[in-house]
Amino acid sequence: MKPLVRGLIAIFALSFILLFVVHQLNTSRGYTSGNTITVFNWGDYIDEDLITKFEDETGIKVIYETFDSNEAMMTKIEQGGTNYDIAIPSEYTIEKMKEEDLLIPIDHAKLSNLKYIDTRFMDLSFDPGNEYSIPYFWGTVGIAYNTKMLEGREITSWNDLWDTDLKNKILLVDGAREIMGMSLNSLNYSLNDKNHQHLKEAKEKLDTLTPNVKAIVGDEIKLLLGNEEAAIGVLWSGDASEAMAENEDIEYVVPEEGSNLWFDNMVIPKTAKNIDAAHQFINFMLDPQNAAQNTEYVGYSTPNKGAMKYLPEEITSDKRFYLDEELTSKLEVYENLGKQSLSEYNDLFLQFKMHRK
């Protein structure tokens, strides 16, 4: 037998043995296809005690994986290498996933706790009738700033960030829609603007912000702000809430020009192998007490009106995170821009990041 053939046989044999060992280990732990689900979520975006509680109550094991962007999540589901049963994308991504036939319709009859979701967060434009998605959290993009480090100065506008006395004091979250959107809003353009000239203006204005930008970072932005590594951060409201919990000198504002009102919803991808268990998981997370526990851990605003009575008043009465209708009317939900425009946003944001170096 030729050495190459013998080598291939050996590789196949070893692969079979490894697959068998993994199967046996998973089986010994209770991980079988019938009682296991795989959940795909943003990093640090669930109280993991709830995962344990779900497993204990249902006997269903949860394999939990995380992603750091909607685009990365969608790409992995498109590739189909992992059988994700639950994913938690944002609104414009849900719209894209619907268009590309990547989602399974949700059976509302299996969700007895759906009644607790505030109707304001149901039947929105990205998923009419909530055929494919169920609300998880909502929030805004805004500015967190340390009043002590800024010597009592108040921030109210996106354009305040361009002041020359803020040199090297600002952290930006690493998101094209968020940071391009900030610049578009500062120019009084829409967050969903597709006009090439407007996008070019927004990028050029971002370039002039460069001296004030200390770093462009990910999830660590809340820790850096809490530890006073920078005086200002452009970030999501939940991250701001966590930073404020760590440092009483931090304030949060949704700028007067407007900003993003976002929604993250639970969906069942086409990759799902345990659809019944996926519905059980969604219904579990909709339970008011579970939703309240998750809200206190994550720090974002809950769409679950039943959870409100289980939350401290200092959370539910905080108008920075549970907005009134006047401010909400100035906010925009991200729309699906289409591949061409989304690519332009990403390219311009990348150019801005490269400009800083």
Protein backbone atom coordinates (compact mmCIF):
# COMPACT_ATOMS: atom_id res chain seq x y z
CA MET A 1 0.00 0.00 0.00
CA LYS A 2 1.38 3.39 -0.96
CA PRO A 3 2.47 5.64 1.95
CA LEU A 4 0.01 8.37 0.86
CA VAL A 5 -2.93 5.95 0.96
CA ARG A 6 -1.83 4.57 4.34
CA GLY A 7 -1.57 8.15 5.63
CA LEU A 8 -5.08 9.04 4.47
CA ILE A 9 -6.50 5.89 6.07
CA ALA A 10 -4.75 6.78 9.32
CA ILE A 11 -6.17 10.33 9.25
CA PHE A 12 -9.73 9.06 8.62
CA ALA A 13 -9.37 6.52 11.42
CA LEU A 14 -8.09 9.13 13.85
CA SER A 15 -10.91 11.52 12.89
CA PHE A 16 -13.49 8.78 13.51
CA ILE A 17 -12.01 8.01 16.92
CA LEU A 18 -12.01 11.69 17.90
CA LEU A 19 -15.64 12.12 16.81
CA PHE A 20 -16.60 9.02 18.81
CA VAL A 21 -14.79 10.31 21.91
CA VAL A 22 -16.48 13.73 21.64
CA HIS A 23 -19.87 12.05 21.20
CA GLN A 24 -19.29 9.87 24.27
CA LEU A 25 -18.19 12.83 26.37
CA ASN A 26 -21.21 14.88 25.33
CA THR A 27 -23.54 11.96 26.01
CA SER A 28 -22.03 11.39 29.45
CA ARG A 29 -22.73 15.06 30.25
CA GLY A 30 -26.31 14.83 29.01
CA TYR A 31 -25.55 16.66 25.75
CA THR A 32 -27.63 14.81 23.17
CA SER A 33 -29.40 16.26 20.16
CA GLY A 34 -32.79 15.83 21.80
CA ASN A 35 -32.13 17.83 24.96
CA THR A 36 -29.48 20.37 23.95
CA ILE A 37 -29.73 23.84 22.44
CA THR A 38 -27.00 26.15 21.20
CA VAL A 39 -27.48 29.84 21.99
CA PHE A 40 -25.55 32.51 20.06
CA ASN A 41 -25.47 35.88 21.83
CA TRP A 42 -23.45 39.06 22.30
CA GLY A 43 -20.67 38.93 24.88
CA ASP A 44 -21.70 39.50 28.51
CA TYR A 45 -25.35 39.82 27.47
CA ILE A 46 -27.10 37.38 29.78
CA ASP A 47 -27.00 36.50 33.46
CA GLU A 48 -25.43 33.06 33.23
CA ASP A 49 -27.24 32.05 36.43
CA LEU A 50 -30.37 32.07 34.27
CA ILE A 51 -28.80 29.52 31.93
CA THR A 52 -28.20 27.23 34.91
CA LYS A 53 -31.77 27.84 36.10
CA PHE A 54 -33.15 26.98 32.65
CA GLU A 55 -31.13 23.76 32.56
CA ASP A 56 -32.30 22.79 36.05
CA GLU A 57 -35.96 23.50 35.29
CA THR A 58 -36.14 21.88 31.86
CA GLY A 59 -33.36 19.28 31.72
CA ILE A 60 -32.22 20.95 28.49
CA LYS A 61 -28.49 21.63 28.26
CA VAL A 62 -27.36 24.96 26.85
CA ILE A 63 -24.25 25.34 24.75
CA TYR A 64 -23.50 29.07 24.85
CA GLU A 65 -21.41 30.94 22.27
CA THR A 66 -20.84 34.66 21.77
CA PHE A 67 -20.23 37.06 18.90
CA ASP A 68 -19.03 40.67 18.79
CA SER A 69 -20.92 42.05 15.79
CA ASN A 70 -24.14 41.45 13.89
CA GLU A 71 -22.11 40.85 10.75
CA ALA A 72 -19.96 38.15 12.36
CA MET A 73 -23.07 36.44 13.75
CA MET A 74 -24.86 36.46 10.41
CA THR A 75 -21.82 35.18 8.51
CA LYS A 76 -21.45 32.22 10.84
CA ILE A 77 -25.13 31.32 10.52
CA GLU A 78 -24.93 31.63 6.74
CA GLN A 79 -21.98 29.24 6.69
CA GLY A 80 -24.04 26.70 8.64
CA GLY A 81 -21.17 25.04 10.47
CA THR A 82 -22.92 25.19 13.85
CA ASN A 83 -26.56 24.35 14.51
CA TYR A 84 -27.57 27.47 16.42
CA ASP A 85 -31.04 27.17 17.94
CA ILE A 86 -31.26 30.74 19.26
CA ALA A 87 -29.53 33.93 18.15
CA ILE A 88 -29.98 37.52 19.34
CA PRO A 89 -29.37 39.98 16.48
CA SER A 90 -30.28 43.65 16.15
CA GLU A 91 -33.22 44.99 14.19
CA TYR A 92 -31.58 45.77 10.83
CA THR A 93 -29.87 42.38 10.88
CA ILE A 94 -33.18 40.64 11.52
CA GLU A 95 -34.50 42.38 8.41
CA LYS A 96 -31.50 41.12 6.41
CA MET A 97 -31.83 37.58 7.79
CA LYS A 98 -35.49 37.52 6.77
CA GLU A 99 -34.59 38.58 3.25
CA GLU A 100 -31.99 35.83 2.99
CA ASP A 101 -34.31 33.14 4.39
CA LEU A 102 -32.15 32.50 7.45
CA LEU A 103 -34.93 32.44 10.06
CA ILE A 104 -37.69 30.07 11.16
CA PRO A 105 -41.11 31.59 12.02
CA ILE A 106 -41.84 31.67 15.74
CA ASP A 107 -44.95 29.93 17.05
CA HIS A 108 -46.57 32.48 19.37
CA ALA A 109 -48.88 29.78 20.72
CA LYS A 110 -45.85 28.24 22.45
CA LEU A 111 -44.98 31.50 24.22
CA SER A 112 -47.36 31.89 27.13
CA ASN A 113 -45.22 34.72 28.52
CA LEU A 114 -45.33 36.82 25.35
CA LYS A 115 -48.24 38.73 26.91
CA TYR A 116 -45.75 40.50 29.21
CA ILE A 117 -43.99 42.35 26.38
CA ASP A 118 -44.97 46.03 26.14
CA THR A 119 -46.93 46.55 22.91
CA ARG A 120 -44.70 49.56 22.10
CA PHE A 121 -41.95 47.09 21.26
CA MET A 122 -44.05 44.71 19.20
CA ASP A 123 -45.01 44.82 15.51
CA LEU A 124 -42.16 47.13 14.50
CA SER A 125 -41.12 47.83 10.93
CA PHE A 126 -38.22 45.38 10.81
CA ASP A 127 -40.50 42.44 11.71
CA PRO A 128 -44.24 43.13 11.32
CA GLY A 129 -46.30 40.92 13.59
CA ASN A 130 -43.10 39.61 15.22
CA GLU A 131 -43.27 36.65 12.89
CA TYR A 132 -39.56 35.91 13.28
CA SER A 133 -38.36 37.71 16.41
CA ILE A 134 -39.21 38.38 20.05
CA PRO A 135 -37.95 41.45 21.99
CA TYR A 136 -34.97 40.91 24.30
CA PHE A 137 -33.52 44.36 25.15
CA TRP A 138 -33.69 47.88 23.78
CA GLY A 139 -31.66 51.01 24.26
CA THR A 140 -29.92 54.00 22.75
CA VAL A 141 -26.52 55.18 21.60
CA GLY A 142 -25.28 58.20 23.52
CA ILE A 143 -22.49 59.88 25.42
CA ALA A 144 -21.19 58.93 28.86
CA TYR A 145 -19.02 61.59 30.47
CA ASN A 146 -17.23 62.03 33.78
CA THR A 147 -18.36 65.30 35.36
CA LYS A 148 -15.40 65.36 37.76
CA MET A 149 -12.81 64.85 35.03
CA LEU A 150 -14.53 67.55 32.95
CA GLU A 151 -14.71 69.86 35.99
CA GLY A 152 -18.50 70.05 35.99
CA ARG A 153 -18.89 70.62 32.28
CA GLU A 154 -22.17 69.34 30.76
CA ILE A 155 -22.36 67.49 27.43
CA THR A 156 -25.63 67.83 25.51
CA SER A 157 -24.75 67.57 21.82
CA TRP A 158 -22.75 65.37 19.46
CA ASN A 159 -20.99 68.53 18.30
CA ASP A 160 -19.67 69.11 21.83
CA LEU A 161 -17.24 66.25 21.19
CA TRP A 162 -15.37 68.29 18.58
CA ASP A 163 -14.30 70.95 21.10
CA THR A 164 -10.52 71.37 21.00
CA ASP A 165 -10.18 71.23 24.78
CA LEU A 166 -11.22 67.53 24.72
CA LYS A 167 -7.96 66.38 23.14
CA ASN A 168 -7.25 62.69 23.86
CA LYS A 169 -10.27 62.40 26.20
CA ILE A 170 -12.78 60.39 24.15
CA LEU A 171 -13.33 56.65 23.70
CA LEU A 172 -15.41 55.45 20.76
CA VAL A 173 -17.13 52.09 20.55
CA ASP A 174 -15.88 50.02 17.62
CA GLY A 175 -19.02 50.09 15.46
CA ALA A 176 -19.42 51.50 11.94
CA ARG A 177 -23.16 52.22 12.22
CA GLU A 178 -22.72 53.85 15.64
CA ILE A 179 -19.77 56.12 14.85
CA MET A 180 -20.70 56.98 11.28
CA GLY A 181 -24.21 57.56 12.66
CA MET A 182 -22.87 59.92 15.33
CA SER A 183 -21.18 62.02 12.65
CA LEU A 184 -24.24 61.93 10.38
CA ASN A 185 -26.44 63.08 13.28
CA SER A 186 -24.01 65.91 14.06
CA LEU A 187 -24.56 67.11 10.47
CA ASN A 188 -28.36 66.72 10.86
CA TYR A 189 -28.43 63.78 8.45
CA SER A 190 -30.30 60.51 8.99
CA LEU A 191 -28.65 57.48 10.57
CA ASN A 192 -29.85 55.57 7.51
CA ASP A 193 -28.55 58.04 4.95
CA LYS A 194 -27.37 56.43 1.69
CA ASN A 195 -26.30 59.63 -0.05
CA HIS A 196 -22.64 59.21 -1.04
CA GLN A 197 -21.81 62.88 -0.57
CA HIS A 198 -23.38 62.95 2.90
CA LEU A 199 -21.44 59.85 3.93
CA LYS A 200 -18.22 61.41 2.63
CA GLU A 201 -18.95 64.55 4.67
CA ALA A 202 -19.55 62.44 7.78
CA LYS A 203 -16.24 60.60 7.34
CA GLU A 204 -14.33 63.84 6.74
CA LYS A 205 -15.86 65.32 9.89
CA LEU A 206 -14.83 62.20 11.83
CA ASP A 207 -11.27 62.73 10.65
CA THR A 208 -11.29 66.14 12.36
CA LEU A 209 -12.30 64.42 15.62
CA THR A 210 -9.09 62.35 15.59
CA PRO A 211 -7.09 64.54 18.04
CA ASN A 212 -9.81 64.08 20.66
CA VAL A 213 -10.06 60.29 20.28
CA LYS A 214 -7.96 58.36 22.77
CA ALA A 215 -8.98 54.91 21.48
CA ILE A 216 -11.58 52.93 19.58
CA VAL A 217 -12.51 49.93 21.73
CA GLY A 218 -15.00 47.09 22.24
CA ASP A 219 -16.81 45.80 25.34
CA GLU A 220 -14.03 47.10 27.61
CA ILE A 221 -15.24 50.67 27.10
CA LYS A 222 -17.43 50.49 30.21
CA LEU A 223 -14.50 49.35 32.36
CA LEU A 224 -12.19 52.01 30.95
CA LEU A 225 -14.71 54.74 31.68
CA GLY A 226 -15.44 53.38 35.13
CA ASN A 227 -11.70 53.37 35.90
CA GLU A 228 -11.34 56.94 34.58
CA GLU A 229 -9.05 55.98 31.72
CA ALA A 230 -10.95 58.55 29.67
CA ALA A 231 -13.43 61.32 30.42
CA ILE A 232 -15.94 60.62 27.63
CA GLY A 233 -17.30 57.60 25.79
CA VAL A 234 -19.64 57.14 22.84
CA LEU A 235 -21.38 53.88 23.57
CA TRP A 236 -24.61 51.94 24.08
CA SER A 237 -26.87 52.84 26.98
CA GLY A 238 -26.40 49.54 28.81
CA ASP A 239 -22.63 49.90 28.84
CA ALA A 240 -23.10 53.44 30.13
CA SER A 241 -25.32 52.11 32.91
CA GLU A 242 -22.62 49.66 33.98
CA ALA A 243 -19.96 52.37 33.96
CA MET A 244 -22.24 54.60 36.06
CA ALA A 245 -22.71 51.79 38.57
CA GLU A 246 -18.93 51.67 39.00
CA ASN A 247 -18.34 55.42 39.10
CA GLU A 248 -20.83 57.92 40.51
CA ASP A 249 -19.22 60.80 38.60
CA ILE A 250 -20.35 59.44 35.22
CA GLU A 251 -23.44 60.89 33.52
CA TYR A 252 -25.20 59.67 30.36
CA VAL A 253 -27.01 61.70 27.74
CA VAL A 254 -28.78 61.07 24.46
CA PRO A 255 -27.66 64.08 22.36
CA GLU A 256 -30.19 66.73 21.39
CA GLU A 257 -29.71 66.17 17.63
CA GLY A 258 -31.06 62.64 18.04
CA SER A 259 -29.51 59.20 17.99
CA ASN A 260 -30.18 55.51 17.50
CA LEU A 261 -33.03 53.63 19.15
CA TRP A 262 -32.05 49.98 18.84
CA PHE A 263 -33.68 46.64 19.54
CA ASP A 264 -32.11 43.23 20.04
CA ASN A 265 -34.55 40.36 19.55
CA MET A 266 -34.44 36.59 19.99
CA VAL A 267 -34.71 34.59 16.75
CA ILE A 268 -34.60 30.94 15.70
CA PRO A 269 -32.11 30.51 12.82
CA LYS A 270 -32.61 28.06 9.98
CA THR A 271 -29.70 26.10 11.49
CA ALA A 272 -31.85 25.14 14.51
CA LYS A 273 -32.10 21.43 15.34
CA ASN A 274 -34.21 21.71 18.50
CA ILE A 275 -37.02 24.11 17.68
CA ASP A 276 -39.27 23.06 20.57
CA ALA A 277 -36.47 23.67 23.08
CA ALA A 278 -35.73 27.01 21.41
CA HIS A 279 -39.32 28.08 22.10
CA GLN A 280 -38.95 26.92 25.69
CA PHE A 281 -35.83 29.06 26.09
CA ILE A 282 -37.53 32.14 24.64
CA ASN A 283 -40.56 31.65 26.89
CA PHE A 284 -38.27 31.21 29.91
CA MET A 285 -36.52 34.50 29.18
CA LEU A 286 -39.92 36.22 28.85
CA ASP A 287 -40.92 35.23 32.38
CA PRO A 288 -41.14 38.57 34.26
CA GLN A 289 -38.92 37.52 37.17
CA ASN A 290 -36.30 36.06 34.84
CA ALA A 291 -36.46 39.17 32.65
CA ALA A 292 -36.00 41.39 35.72
CA GLN A 293 -32.99 39.37 36.89
CA ASN A 294 -31.47 39.59 33.43
CA THR A 295 -32.13 43.34 33.27
CA GLU A 296 -30.35 44.01 36.55
CA TYR A 297 -27.35 42.00 35.37
CA VAL A 298 -27.06 43.34 31.82
CA GLY A 299 -28.05 46.95 32.51
CA TYR A 300 -30.07 47.58 29.35
CA SER A 301 -33.73 48.57 29.18
CA THR A 302 -36.24 45.74 29.24
CA PRO A 303 -39.26 45.62 26.91
CA ASN A 304 -40.97 43.34 29.45
CA LYS A 305 -43.66 45.34 31.24
CA GLY A 306 -44.27 42.43 33.62
CA ALA A 307 -40.64 42.67 34.79
CA MET A 308 -40.99 46.29 35.88
CA LYS A 309 -42.57 45.47 39.24
CA TYR A 310 -39.58 43.27 40.13
CA LEU A 311 -37.03 45.99 39.35
CA PRO A 312 -35.82 48.70 41.77
CA GLU A 313 -37.49 52.07 41.34
CA GLU A 314 -34.15 53.75 40.66
CA ILE A 315 -33.97 51.68 37.46
CA THR A 316 -37.54 52.02 36.22
CA SER A 317 -37.79 55.77 36.99
CA ASP A 318 -34.49 56.67 35.30
CA LYS A 319 -35.49 58.75 32.26
CA ARG A 320 -32.02 58.42 30.74
CA PHE A 321 -32.74 54.76 30.05
CA TYR A 322 -36.54 54.62 30.04
CA LEU A 323 -37.14 57.56 27.73
CA ASP A 324 -40.18 59.82 27.44
CA GLU A 325 -42.02 60.10 24.14
CA GLU A 326 -40.63 63.57 23.32
CA LEU A 327 -37.05 62.32 23.17
CA THR A 328 -37.99 58.99 21.63
CA SER A 329 -39.53 60.86 18.69
CA LYS A 330 -36.06 62.20 17.78
CA LEU A 331 -34.51 58.74 17.63
CA GLU A 332 -34.12 56.48 14.61
CA VAL A 333 -34.11 52.72 14.29
CA TYR A 334 -31.33 51.36 12.08
CA GLU A 335 -32.66 50.15 8.75
CA ASN A 336 -31.19 47.50 6.50
CA LEU A 337 -29.00 49.63 4.22
CA GLY A 338 -28.40 46.92 1.63
CA LYS A 339 -25.01 45.41 0.87
CA GLN A 340 -23.66 48.32 -1.16
CA SER A 341 -24.44 51.07 1.34
CA LEU A 342 -23.45 48.94 4.35
CA SER A 343 -20.13 48.23 2.65
CA GLU A 344 -19.64 51.97 2.16
CA TYR A 345 -20.31 52.66 5.86
CA ASN A 346 -17.82 49.94 6.84
CA ASP A 347 -15.17 51.13 4.37
CA LEU A 348 -15.44 54.75 5.47
CA PHE A 349 -15.26 53.77 9.14
CA LEU A 350 -12.19 51.65 8.44
CA GLN A 351 -10.59 54.60 6.63
CA PHE A 352 -11.28 56.77 9.68
CA LYS A 353 -9.63 54.20 11.94
CA MET A 354 -6.61 54.00 9.64
CA HIS A 355 -6.45 57.81 9.53
CA ARG A 356 -5.81 57.80 13.29
CA LYS A 357 -2.63 55.73 12.94
